[in-house]
């Protein structure tokens, strides 16, 4: 949305992945960006960087932290998955909740001075990490609400209450072959298909 790159969006039901998605990206995870020339970008952070490299009106790339994003996408995501879905992973959710909490405390301390992860304005690091913090908080809202993480909570509430967040949280029916294209994030930037 920030980059203004237009695309056609397809909502995917992960328990019924369409053949077209698996053809484009055999790894079978979302999101998947299929560019008009056929190239495929199938990691969230790579899609974000691709779009921002073409148009970055708020300077998000200047507020990037690859190491912090890697810690989020690696160890924190590992703990989040096992906290949120312990039966699927054969894990003790409380052990992984504590592991995730360690990362959240680091984020809280980092946000404290200026309100965002890389300064006073939102940037790529915030956009890349916030959805995972949101999932963690939603797993047990009462427990999360009792935590002493004032800066992280204010940061999360600010992002969740933003016009940007409201504009991207569209509800769509799962895509099926032959469905009409649904335009998303129309702007002046380059376009593609996102699944």
N, C-alpha and C. Protein backbone atom coordinates (compact mmCIF):
# COMPACT_ATOMS: atom_id res chain seq x y z
N UNK A 1 0.82 -1.19 0.00
CA UNK A 1 0.00 0.00 0.00
C UNK A 1 0.87 1.25 0.00
N UNK A 2 1.88 1.30 0.83
CA UNK A 2 2.75 2.48 0.90
C UNK A 2 3.45 2.69 -0.44
N UNK A 3 3.90 1.60 -1.05
CA UNK A 3 4.63 1.70 -2.31
C UNK A 3 3.72 2.00 -3.50
N UNK A 4 2.42 1.81 -3.33
CA UNK A 4 1.48 2.09 -4.41
C UNK A 4 1.54 1.11 -5.56
N UNK A 5 2.12 -0.06 -5.33
CA UNK A 5 2.20 -1.07 -6.39
C UNK A 5 0.86 -1.77 -6.52
N UNK A 6 0.29 -1.74 -7.70
CA UNK A 6 -0.98 -2.40 -7.93
C UNK A 6 -0.79 -3.88 -8.20
N UNK A 7 -1.77 -4.66 -7.80
CA UNK A 7 -1.73 -6.09 -8.07
C UNK A 7 -3.15 -6.64 -8.04
N UNK A 8 -3.29 -7.85 -8.50
CA UNK A 8 -4.53 -8.60 -8.31
C UNK A 8 -4.28 -9.50 -7.11
N UNK A 9 -5.22 -9.52 -6.17
CA UNK A 9 -5.03 -10.31 -4.96
C UNK A 9 -5.92 -11.54 -5.01
N UNK A 10 -5.39 -12.63 -4.52
CA UNK A 10 -6.14 -13.89 -4.43
C UNK A 10 -6.05 -14.40 -3.00
N UNK A 11 -7.18 -14.52 -2.36
CA UNK A 11 -7.22 -15.10 -1.00
C UNK A 11 -7.05 -16.61 -1.14
N UNK A 12 -6.15 -17.17 -0.36
CA UNK A 12 -5.86 -18.59 -0.45
C UNK A 12 -6.26 -19.28 0.85
N UNK A 13 -7.02 -20.34 0.72
CA UNK A 13 -7.34 -21.19 1.87
C UNK A 13 -6.22 -22.23 1.94
N UNK A 14 -5.42 -22.16 2.99
CA UNK A 14 -4.21 -22.99 3.04
C UNK A 14 -4.50 -24.48 3.09
N UNK A 15 -5.70 -24.85 3.52
CA UNK A 15 -6.05 -26.27 3.53
C UNK A 15 -6.52 -26.76 2.16
N UNK A 16 -6.66 -25.83 1.22
CA UNK A 16 -7.09 -26.18 -0.14
C UNK A 16 -6.34 -25.31 -1.14
N UNK A 17 -5.02 -25.46 -1.15
CA UNK A 17 -4.17 -24.63 -2.01
C UNK A 17 -4.46 -24.92 -3.48
N UNK A 18 -4.75 -23.89 -4.26
CA UNK A 18 -5.03 -24.12 -5.68
C UNK A 18 -3.77 -24.50 -6.45
N UNK A 19 -3.97 -25.26 -7.51
CA UNK A 19 -2.85 -25.72 -8.34
C UNK A 19 -2.05 -24.55 -8.90
N UNK A 20 -2.73 -23.46 -9.26
CA UNK A 20 -2.04 -22.30 -9.83
C UNK A 20 -1.04 -21.71 -8.84
N UNK A 21 -1.38 -21.72 -7.57
CA UNK A 21 -0.46 -21.21 -6.55
C UNK A 21 0.75 -22.13 -6.42
N UNK A 22 0.49 -23.44 -6.36
CA UNK A 22 1.59 -24.40 -6.21
C UNK A 22 2.47 -24.45 -7.45
N UNK A 23 1.89 -24.17 -8.60
CA UNK A 23 2.69 -24.07 -9.83
C UNK A 23 3.64 -22.89 -9.75
N UNK A 24 3.13 -21.77 -9.25
CA UNK A 24 3.93 -20.56 -9.14
C UNK A 24 5.01 -20.70 -8.08
N UNK A 25 4.64 -21.31 -6.95
CA UNK A 25 5.57 -21.45 -5.83
C UNK A 25 5.33 -22.79 -5.15
N UNK A 26 6.10 -23.81 -5.52
CA UNK A 26 5.89 -25.15 -4.96
C UNK A 26 6.05 -25.25 -3.45
N UNK A 27 6.67 -24.25 -2.80
CA UNK A 27 6.82 -24.35 -1.35
C UNK A 27 5.48 -24.27 -0.64
N UNK A 28 4.45 -23.71 -1.29
CA UNK A 28 3.09 -23.78 -0.78
C UNK A 28 2.76 -22.88 0.39
N UNK A 29 3.53 -21.81 0.57
CA UNK A 29 3.21 -20.85 1.62
C UNK A 29 2.83 -19.51 0.99
N UNK A 30 2.14 -18.70 1.77
CA UNK A 30 1.76 -17.37 1.30
C UNK A 30 2.56 -16.33 2.07
N UNK A 31 2.76 -15.17 1.48
CA UNK A 31 2.28 -14.70 0.18
C UNK A 31 3.20 -15.14 -0.96
N UNK A 32 2.65 -15.02 -2.15
CA UNK A 32 3.39 -15.28 -3.39
C UNK A 32 3.08 -14.13 -4.33
N UNK A 33 4.10 -13.46 -4.83
CA UNK A 33 3.92 -12.40 -5.82
C UNK A 33 4.42 -12.92 -7.16
N UNK A 34 3.52 -12.97 -8.14
CA UNK A 34 3.88 -13.39 -9.49
C UNK A 34 3.90 -12.13 -10.34
N UNK A 35 5.08 -11.78 -10.84
CA UNK A 35 5.22 -10.57 -11.65
C UNK A 35 4.77 -10.85 -13.08
N UNK A 36 4.45 -9.78 -13.80
CA UNK A 36 3.95 -9.94 -15.16
C UNK A 36 4.93 -10.70 -16.06
N UNK A 37 6.23 -10.51 -15.85
CA UNK A 37 7.20 -11.22 -16.69
C UNK A 37 7.41 -12.66 -16.24
N UNK A 38 6.69 -13.08 -15.18
CA UNK A 38 6.73 -14.47 -14.73
C UNK A 38 7.61 -14.74 -13.53
N UNK A 39 8.44 -13.78 -13.13
CA UNK A 39 9.27 -13.97 -11.95
C UNK A 39 8.37 -14.12 -10.72
N UNK A 40 8.84 -14.89 -9.74
CA UNK A 40 8.08 -15.14 -8.52
C UNK A 40 8.88 -14.65 -7.31
N UNK A 41 8.21 -13.91 -6.45
CA UNK A 41 8.79 -13.47 -5.18
C UNK A 41 7.90 -14.08 -4.11
N UNK A 42 8.45 -14.97 -3.27
CA UNK A 42 7.57 -15.70 -2.36
C UNK A 42 7.97 -15.65 -0.88
N UNK A 43 8.59 -14.57 -0.49
CA UNK A 43 8.84 -14.30 0.92
C UNK A 43 8.27 -12.92 1.22
N UNK A 44 7.56 -12.78 2.33
CA UNK A 44 6.93 -11.50 2.67
C UNK A 44 7.92 -10.35 2.64
N UNK A 45 9.06 -10.53 3.29
CA UNK A 45 10.02 -9.43 3.38
C UNK A 45 10.59 -9.09 2.01
N UNK A 46 10.76 -10.09 1.15
CA UNK A 46 11.26 -9.83 -0.20
C UNK A 46 10.23 -9.08 -1.04
N UNK A 47 8.95 -9.39 -0.84
CA UNK A 47 7.89 -8.67 -1.54
C UNK A 47 7.87 -7.21 -1.09
N UNK A 48 8.01 -7.00 0.21
CA UNK A 48 8.03 -5.63 0.74
C UNK A 48 9.22 -4.86 0.17
N UNK A 49 10.39 -5.47 0.20
CA UNK A 49 11.59 -4.79 -0.31
C UNK A 49 11.49 -4.55 -1.82
N UNK A 50 10.92 -5.49 -2.55
CA UNK A 50 10.73 -5.33 -3.99
C UNK A 50 9.86 -4.11 -4.27
N UNK A 51 8.73 -4.01 -3.59
CA UNK A 51 7.81 -2.89 -3.81
C UNK A 51 8.44 -1.56 -3.40
N UNK A 52 9.09 -1.53 -2.24
CA UNK A 52 9.68 -0.29 -1.76
C UNK A 52 10.88 0.15 -2.59
N UNK A 53 11.59 -0.78 -3.20
CA UNK A 53 12.71 -0.41 -4.07
C UNK A 53 12.22 0.36 -5.29
N UNK A 54 10.96 0.18 -5.64
CA UNK A 54 10.38 0.87 -6.79
C UNK A 54 9.75 2.20 -6.42
N UNK A 55 9.22 2.28 -5.19
CA UNK A 55 8.57 3.52 -4.75
C UNK A 55 8.47 3.48 -3.23
N UNK A 56 9.14 4.40 -2.57
CA UNK A 56 9.22 4.41 -1.10
C UNK A 56 8.93 5.82 -0.59
N UNK A 57 7.67 6.27 -0.68
CA UNK A 57 7.35 7.67 -0.36
C UNK A 57 7.56 8.06 1.09
N UNK A 58 7.55 7.11 2.01
CA UNK A 58 7.76 7.43 3.43
C UNK A 58 9.16 7.08 3.91
N UNK A 59 10.02 6.64 3.01
CA UNK A 59 11.40 6.30 3.39
C UNK A 59 11.51 5.08 4.29
N UNK A 60 10.66 4.10 4.07
CA UNK A 60 10.68 2.90 4.91
C UNK A 60 12.00 2.14 4.83
N UNK A 61 12.63 2.12 3.67
CA UNK A 61 13.88 1.37 3.54
C UNK A 61 14.99 1.95 4.41
N UNK A 62 14.88 3.21 4.75
CA UNK A 62 15.83 3.83 5.66
C UNK A 62 15.60 3.45 7.11
N UNK A 63 14.49 2.79 7.38
CA UNK A 63 14.17 2.32 8.73
C UNK A 63 13.97 0.80 8.69
N UNK A 64 14.99 0.16 8.17
CA UNK A 64 15.05 -1.29 8.04
C UNK A 64 16.10 -1.79 9.03
N UNK A 65 15.94 -3.00 9.51
CA UNK A 65 16.95 -3.63 10.35
C UNK A 65 16.94 -5.12 10.02
N UNK A 66 17.74 -5.52 9.04
CA UNK A 66 17.72 -6.92 8.61
C UNK A 66 17.97 -7.92 9.75
N UNK A 67 18.85 -7.59 10.69
CA UNK A 67 19.13 -8.52 11.79
C UNK A 67 17.91 -8.68 12.71
N UNK A 68 17.22 -7.59 12.99
CA UNK A 68 16.03 -7.66 13.84
C UNK A 68 14.92 -8.43 13.13
N UNK A 69 14.75 -8.19 11.84
CA UNK A 69 13.74 -8.91 11.07
C UNK A 69 14.08 -10.39 11.01
N UNK A 70 15.36 -10.73 10.87
CA UNK A 70 15.78 -12.14 10.86
C UNK A 70 15.50 -12.80 12.21
N UNK A 71 15.71 -12.07 13.32
CA UNK A 71 15.39 -12.61 14.65
C UNK A 71 13.88 -12.84 14.78
N UNK A 72 13.10 -11.96 14.20
CA UNK A 72 11.65 -12.12 14.20
C UNK A 72 11.24 -13.33 13.37
N UNK A 73 11.76 -13.40 12.15
CA UNK A 73 11.36 -14.45 11.21
C UNK A 73 11.93 -15.82 11.58
N UNK A 74 12.97 -15.83 12.39
CA UNK A 74 13.59 -17.09 12.80
C UNK A 74 13.15 -17.52 14.19
N UNK A 75 13.92 -17.18 15.23
CA UNK A 75 13.60 -17.66 16.57
C UNK A 75 12.22 -17.24 17.10
N UNK A 76 11.83 -15.98 16.87
CA UNK A 76 10.52 -15.56 17.39
C UNK A 76 9.38 -16.29 16.68
N UNK A 77 9.47 -16.43 15.37
CA UNK A 77 8.43 -17.15 14.62
C UNK A 77 8.38 -18.61 15.05
N UNK A 78 9.52 -19.20 15.32
CA UNK A 78 9.59 -20.57 15.82
C UNK A 78 8.80 -20.68 17.12
N UNK A 79 9.06 -19.77 18.06
CA UNK A 79 8.34 -19.78 19.33
C UNK A 79 6.86 -19.47 19.14
N UNK A 80 6.55 -18.51 18.30
CA UNK A 80 5.15 -18.15 18.04
C UNK A 80 4.36 -19.36 17.52
N UNK A 81 4.89 -20.06 16.55
CA UNK A 81 4.19 -21.21 15.98
C UNK A 81 3.92 -22.28 17.04
N UNK A 82 4.87 -22.51 17.92
CA UNK A 82 4.73 -23.55 18.93
C UNK A 82 3.89 -23.10 20.11
N UNK A 83 3.82 -21.81 20.34
CA UNK A 83 2.93 -21.26 21.37
C UNK A 83 1.49 -21.26 20.86
N UNK A 84 1.31 -20.86 19.63
CA UNK A 84 -0.03 -20.74 19.04
C UNK A 84 -0.62 -22.10 18.65
N UNK A 85 0.22 -23.01 18.17
CA UNK A 85 -0.23 -24.33 17.69
C UNK A 85 0.58 -25.45 18.36
N UNK A 86 0.50 -25.60 19.68
CA UNK A 86 1.34 -26.60 20.35
C UNK A 86 1.07 -28.03 19.91
N UNK A 87 -0.20 -28.37 19.64
CA UNK A 87 -0.52 -29.74 19.23
C UNK A 87 0.09 -30.09 17.88
N UNK A 88 0.07 -29.13 16.98
CA UNK A 88 0.62 -29.33 15.64
C UNK A 88 2.12 -29.60 15.71
N UNK A 89 2.79 -28.99 16.69
CA UNK A 89 4.25 -29.08 16.77
C UNK A 89 4.74 -30.00 17.90
N UNK A 90 3.81 -30.57 18.68
CA UNK A 90 4.21 -31.41 19.80
C UNK A 90 5.07 -30.64 20.79
N UNK A 91 4.64 -29.42 21.10
CA UNK A 91 5.47 -28.52 21.92
C UNK A 91 4.74 -28.10 23.19
N UNK A 92 5.52 -27.67 24.16
CA UNK A 92 4.97 -27.08 25.39
C UNK A 92 4.75 -25.60 25.11
N UNK A 93 3.49 -25.15 25.04
CA UNK A 93 3.24 -23.76 24.67
C UNK A 93 3.81 -22.74 25.66
N UNK A 94 3.89 -23.11 26.93
CA UNK A 94 4.39 -22.15 27.92
C UNK A 94 5.88 -21.90 27.77
N UNK A 95 6.61 -22.93 27.39
CA UNK A 95 8.05 -22.77 27.13
C UNK A 95 8.24 -21.79 25.97
N UNK A 96 7.45 -21.96 24.92
CA UNK A 96 7.60 -21.11 23.74
C UNK A 96 6.99 -19.73 23.96
N UNK A 97 6.01 -19.62 24.83
CA UNK A 97 5.49 -18.30 25.19
C UNK A 97 6.59 -17.49 25.88
N UNK A 98 7.32 -18.14 26.77
CA UNK A 98 8.42 -17.46 27.46
C UNK A 98 9.54 -17.10 26.49
N UNK A 99 9.83 -17.99 25.55
CA UNK A 99 10.83 -17.67 24.54
C UNK A 99 10.43 -16.47 23.72
N UNK A 100 9.18 -16.40 23.31
CA UNK A 100 8.67 -15.26 22.57
C UNK A 100 8.69 -13.99 23.39
N UNK A 101 8.38 -14.12 24.68
CA UNK A 101 8.35 -12.96 25.56
C UNK A 101 9.73 -12.30 25.66
N UNK A 102 10.77 -13.08 25.61
CA UNK A 102 12.13 -12.52 25.63
C UNK A 102 12.32 -11.55 24.46
N UNK A 103 11.88 -11.94 23.28
CA UNK A 103 11.98 -11.07 22.10
C UNK A 103 11.09 -9.84 22.26
N UNK A 104 9.89 -10.02 22.78
CA UNK A 104 8.98 -8.89 22.97
C UNK A 104 9.57 -7.86 23.94
N UNK A 105 10.26 -8.33 24.96
CA UNK A 105 10.91 -7.40 25.90
C UNK A 105 12.01 -6.59 25.19
N UNK A 106 12.73 -7.25 24.28
CA UNK A 106 13.74 -6.53 23.50
C UNK A 106 13.08 -5.47 22.62
N UNK A 107 11.96 -5.82 22.01
CA UNK A 107 11.24 -4.85 21.18
C UNK A 107 10.73 -3.68 22.02
N UNK A 108 10.20 -3.98 23.20
CA UNK A 108 9.68 -2.92 24.08
C UNK A 108 10.79 -1.92 24.42
N UNK A 109 11.97 -2.43 24.76
CA UNK A 109 13.09 -1.55 25.09
C UNK A 109 13.53 -0.75 23.87
N UNK A 110 13.48 -1.35 22.73
CA UNK A 110 13.91 -0.67 21.50
C UNK A 110 12.92 0.43 21.09
N UNK A 111 11.64 0.19 21.31
CA UNK A 111 10.60 1.16 20.95
C UNK A 111 10.58 2.34 21.92
N UNK A 112 10.99 2.11 23.16
CA UNK A 112 10.86 3.11 24.23
C UNK A 112 11.38 4.51 23.88
N UNK A 113 12.57 4.66 23.30
CA UNK A 113 13.08 6.02 23.08
C UNK A 113 12.29 6.88 22.10
N UNK A 114 11.82 6.28 20.97
CA UNK A 114 11.22 7.11 19.93
C UNK A 114 9.86 6.63 19.43
N UNK A 115 9.38 5.49 19.90
CA UNK A 115 8.04 5.05 19.55
C UNK A 115 7.93 4.04 18.43
N UNK A 116 8.99 3.86 17.63
CA UNK A 116 8.99 2.87 16.56
C UNK A 116 10.30 2.08 16.66
N UNK A 117 10.43 1.04 15.88
CA UNK A 117 11.61 0.18 16.00
C UNK A 117 12.90 0.83 15.50
N UNK A 118 12.79 1.72 14.53
CA UNK A 118 13.99 2.33 13.96
C UNK A 118 13.87 3.85 13.92
N UNK A 119 13.35 4.43 14.96
CA UNK A 119 13.22 5.89 15.02
C UNK A 119 11.82 6.32 15.40
N UNK A 120 11.48 7.53 15.00
CA UNK A 120 10.19 8.11 15.40
C UNK A 120 9.08 7.88 14.38
N UNK A 121 9.41 7.37 13.21
CA UNK A 121 8.40 7.12 12.18
C UNK A 121 8.39 5.64 11.82
N UNK A 122 7.23 5.14 11.43
CA UNK A 122 7.15 3.73 11.05
C UNK A 122 8.03 3.48 9.83
N UNK A 123 8.52 2.26 9.77
CA UNK A 123 9.38 1.89 8.66
C UNK A 123 9.23 0.42 8.33
N UNK A 124 10.13 -0.07 7.53
CA UNK A 124 10.06 -1.46 7.09
C UNK A 124 10.13 -2.43 8.26
N UNK A 125 11.00 -2.19 9.23
CA UNK A 125 11.10 -3.10 10.37
C UNK A 125 9.77 -3.20 11.11
N UNK A 126 9.09 -2.08 11.30
CA UNK A 126 7.80 -2.09 11.99
C UNK A 126 6.78 -2.91 11.20
N UNK A 127 6.70 -2.66 9.90
CA UNK A 127 5.71 -3.35 9.05
C UNK A 127 6.00 -4.84 8.96
N UNK A 128 7.26 -5.22 9.00
CA UNK A 128 7.63 -6.63 8.88
C UNK A 128 7.38 -7.40 10.17
N UNK A 129 7.53 -6.75 11.30
CA UNK A 129 7.46 -7.43 12.60
C UNK A 129 6.07 -7.36 13.23
N UNK A 130 5.35 -6.27 13.03
CA UNK A 130 4.06 -6.07 13.69
C UNK A 130 3.08 -7.23 13.51
N UNK A 131 2.91 -7.81 12.32
CA UNK A 131 1.93 -8.89 12.19
C UNK A 131 2.21 -10.09 13.10
N UNK A 132 3.47 -10.36 13.37
CA UNK A 132 3.83 -11.48 14.23
C UNK A 132 3.57 -11.15 15.69
N UNK A 133 3.83 -9.91 16.08
CA UNK A 133 3.51 -9.47 17.45
C UNK A 133 2.00 -9.52 17.64
N UNK A 134 1.26 -9.12 16.63
CA UNK A 134 -0.21 -9.16 16.68
C UNK A 134 -0.69 -10.59 16.92
N UNK A 135 -0.13 -11.55 16.21
CA UNK A 135 -0.52 -12.96 16.39
C UNK A 135 -0.19 -13.44 17.80
N UNK A 136 0.98 -13.06 18.28
CA UNK A 136 1.39 -13.48 19.62
C UNK A 136 0.43 -12.92 20.66
N UNK A 137 0.10 -11.63 20.54
CA UNK A 137 -0.80 -10.98 21.50
C UNK A 137 -2.19 -11.60 21.46
N UNK A 138 -2.65 -12.00 20.29
CA UNK A 138 -4.00 -12.54 20.12
C UNK A 138 -4.13 -13.98 20.60
N UNK A 139 -3.03 -14.67 20.83
CA UNK A 139 -3.09 -16.06 21.27
C UNK A 139 -3.70 -16.18 22.66
N UNK A 140 -3.35 -15.29 23.56
CA UNK A 140 -3.94 -15.22 24.90
C UNK A 140 -4.01 -13.75 25.29
N UNK A 141 -5.05 -13.05 24.83
CA UNK A 141 -5.12 -11.59 25.05
C UNK A 141 -5.10 -11.19 26.52
N UNK A 142 -5.73 -11.98 27.39
CA UNK A 142 -5.75 -11.62 28.82
C UNK A 142 -4.34 -11.68 29.40
N UNK A 143 -3.60 -12.73 29.07
CA UNK A 143 -2.22 -12.84 29.55
C UNK A 143 -1.37 -11.71 28.99
N UNK A 144 -1.48 -11.47 27.69
CA UNK A 144 -0.70 -10.40 27.06
C UNK A 144 -1.05 -9.05 27.68
N UNK A 145 -2.32 -8.82 27.94
CA UNK A 145 -2.75 -7.56 28.53
C UNK A 145 -2.15 -7.29 29.89
N UNK A 146 -1.80 -8.35 30.62
CA UNK A 146 -1.21 -8.19 31.94
C UNK A 146 0.29 -7.99 31.95
N UNK A 147 0.92 -8.04 30.79
CA UNK A 147 2.37 -7.88 30.71
C UNK A 147 2.79 -6.42 30.85
N UNK A 148 3.94 -6.22 31.45
CA UNK A 148 4.50 -4.86 31.58
C UNK A 148 5.36 -4.57 30.35
N UNK A 149 4.69 -4.30 29.24
CA UNK A 149 5.35 -3.94 27.98
C UNK A 149 4.68 -2.69 27.43
N UNK A 150 4.76 -1.58 28.15
CA UNK A 150 3.96 -0.40 27.77
C UNK A 150 4.29 0.17 26.39
N UNK A 151 5.55 0.17 26.03
CA UNK A 151 5.95 0.76 24.75
C UNK A 151 5.51 -0.14 23.59
N UNK A 152 5.71 -1.44 23.75
CA UNK A 152 5.31 -2.40 22.73
C UNK A 152 3.79 -2.37 22.54
N UNK A 153 3.05 -2.32 23.63
CA UNK A 153 1.58 -2.30 23.53
C UNK A 153 1.09 -1.04 22.84
N UNK A 154 1.67 0.10 23.17
CA UNK A 154 1.27 1.36 22.52
C UNK A 154 1.61 1.31 21.03
N UNK A 155 2.78 0.77 20.72
CA UNK A 155 3.21 0.62 19.32
C UNK A 155 2.24 -0.28 18.55
N UNK A 156 1.91 -1.43 19.14
CA UNK A 156 0.99 -2.36 18.49
C UNK A 156 -0.38 -1.73 18.30
N UNK A 157 -0.91 -1.09 19.33
CA UNK A 157 -2.22 -0.44 19.23
C UNK A 157 -2.21 0.65 18.16
N UNK A 158 -1.11 1.39 18.08
CA UNK A 158 -1.00 2.44 17.07
C UNK A 158 -1.04 1.88 15.66
N UNK A 159 -0.34 0.79 15.44
CA UNK A 159 -0.34 0.17 14.11
C UNK A 159 -1.69 -0.46 13.79
N UNK A 160 -2.28 -1.14 14.77
CA UNK A 160 -3.57 -1.79 14.53
C UNK A 160 -4.69 -0.77 14.30
N UNK A 161 -4.55 0.40 14.89
CA UNK A 161 -5.56 1.44 14.73
C UNK A 161 -5.31 2.38 13.57
N UNK A 162 -4.26 2.13 12.81
CA UNK A 162 -3.89 3.05 11.72
C UNK A 162 -4.77 2.86 10.49
N UNK A 163 -4.88 3.92 9.72
CA UNK A 163 -5.61 3.85 8.45
C UNK A 163 -4.94 2.86 7.50
N UNK A 164 -3.62 2.78 7.54
CA UNK A 164 -2.90 1.83 6.69
C UNK A 164 -3.33 0.40 7.00
N UNK A 165 -3.36 0.05 8.27
CA UNK A 165 -3.75 -1.31 8.65
C UNK A 165 -5.19 -1.60 8.22
N UNK A 166 -6.08 -0.65 8.44
CA UNK A 166 -7.48 -0.83 8.04
C UNK A 166 -7.59 -1.05 6.53
N UNK A 167 -6.76 -0.37 5.76
CA UNK A 167 -6.85 -0.47 4.30
C UNK A 167 -6.33 -1.80 3.75
N UNK A 168 -5.46 -2.47 4.49
CA UNK A 168 -4.92 -3.73 3.98
C UNK A 168 -5.65 -4.96 4.50
N UNK A 169 -6.46 -4.79 5.52
CA UNK A 169 -7.16 -5.93 6.12
C UNK A 169 -8.49 -6.18 5.42
N UNK A 170 -8.41 -6.53 4.17
CA UNK A 170 -9.62 -6.81 3.39
C UNK A 170 -10.01 -8.28 3.57
N UNK A 171 -11.30 -8.52 3.58
CA UNK A 171 -11.82 -9.89 3.67
C UNK A 171 -12.29 -10.32 2.29
N UNK A 172 -11.75 -11.42 1.82
CA UNK A 172 -12.11 -11.94 0.51
C UNK A 172 -12.50 -13.40 0.62
N UNK A 173 -13.29 -13.85 -0.31
CA UNK A 173 -13.59 -15.29 -0.41
C UNK A 173 -12.37 -15.98 -1.01
N UNK A 174 -12.13 -17.23 -0.63
CA UNK A 174 -11.00 -17.95 -1.22
C UNK A 174 -11.10 -17.98 -2.74
N UNK A 175 -9.95 -17.75 -3.38
CA UNK A 175 -9.87 -17.71 -4.84
C UNK A 175 -9.99 -19.11 -5.42
N UNK A 176 -10.67 -19.18 -6.56
CA UNK A 176 -10.77 -20.42 -7.32
C UNK A 176 -10.47 -20.09 -8.78
N UNK A 177 -9.93 -21.06 -9.49
CA UNK A 177 -9.63 -20.88 -10.91
C UNK A 177 -10.87 -20.35 -11.63
N UNK A 178 -10.68 -19.30 -12.42
CA UNK A 178 -11.78 -18.70 -13.17
C UNK A 178 -12.42 -17.51 -12.50
N UNK A 179 -12.08 -17.26 -11.22
CA UNK A 179 -12.64 -16.10 -10.52
C UNK A 179 -12.16 -14.81 -11.16
N UNK A 180 -12.97 -13.78 -11.07
CA UNK A 180 -12.61 -12.45 -11.56
C UNK A 180 -11.48 -11.89 -10.70
N UNK A 181 -10.56 -11.21 -11.33
CA UNK A 181 -9.43 -10.60 -10.61
C UNK A 181 -9.94 -9.54 -9.64
N UNK A 182 -9.32 -9.45 -8.48
CA UNK A 182 -9.65 -8.44 -7.48
C UNK A 182 -8.45 -7.49 -7.39
N UNK A 183 -8.58 -6.25 -7.89
CA UNK A 183 -7.47 -5.30 -7.81
C UNK A 183 -7.21 -4.89 -6.36
N UNK A 184 -5.95 -4.67 -6.04
CA UNK A 184 -5.56 -4.31 -4.68
C UNK A 184 -4.39 -3.35 -4.73
N UNK A 185 -4.40 -2.36 -3.85
CA UNK A 185 -3.29 -1.40 -3.71
C UNK A 185 -2.96 -0.72 -5.02
N UNK A 186 -3.98 -0.29 -5.70
CA UNK A 186 -3.77 0.36 -6.99
C UNK A 186 -2.97 1.65 -6.79
N UNK A 187 -1.98 1.83 -7.61
CA UNK A 187 -1.14 3.01 -7.55
C UNK A 187 -0.35 3.14 -8.82
N UNK A 188 0.68 3.97 -8.78
CA UNK A 188 1.49 4.20 -9.97
C UNK A 188 2.64 3.21 -10.12
N UNK A 189 2.85 2.39 -9.09
CA UNK A 189 3.98 1.48 -9.12
C UNK A 189 3.76 0.30 -10.04
N UNK A 190 4.78 -0.56 -10.19
CA UNK A 190 4.67 -1.75 -11.01
C UNK A 190 3.65 -2.71 -10.40
N UNK A 191 3.13 -3.58 -11.20
CA UNK A 191 2.09 -4.46 -10.69
C UNK A 191 2.40 -5.92 -10.93
N UNK A 192 1.60 -6.74 -10.30
CA UNK A 192 1.74 -8.19 -10.42
C UNK A 192 0.53 -8.85 -9.81
N UNK A 193 0.66 -10.10 -9.45
CA UNK A 193 -0.41 -10.87 -8.82
C UNK A 193 0.11 -11.33 -7.48
N UNK A 194 -0.68 -11.15 -6.44
CA UNK A 194 -0.25 -11.64 -5.13
C UNK A 194 -1.26 -12.66 -4.65
N UNK A 195 -0.75 -13.76 -4.11
CA UNK A 195 -1.61 -14.82 -3.59
C UNK A 195 -1.31 -15.02 -2.14
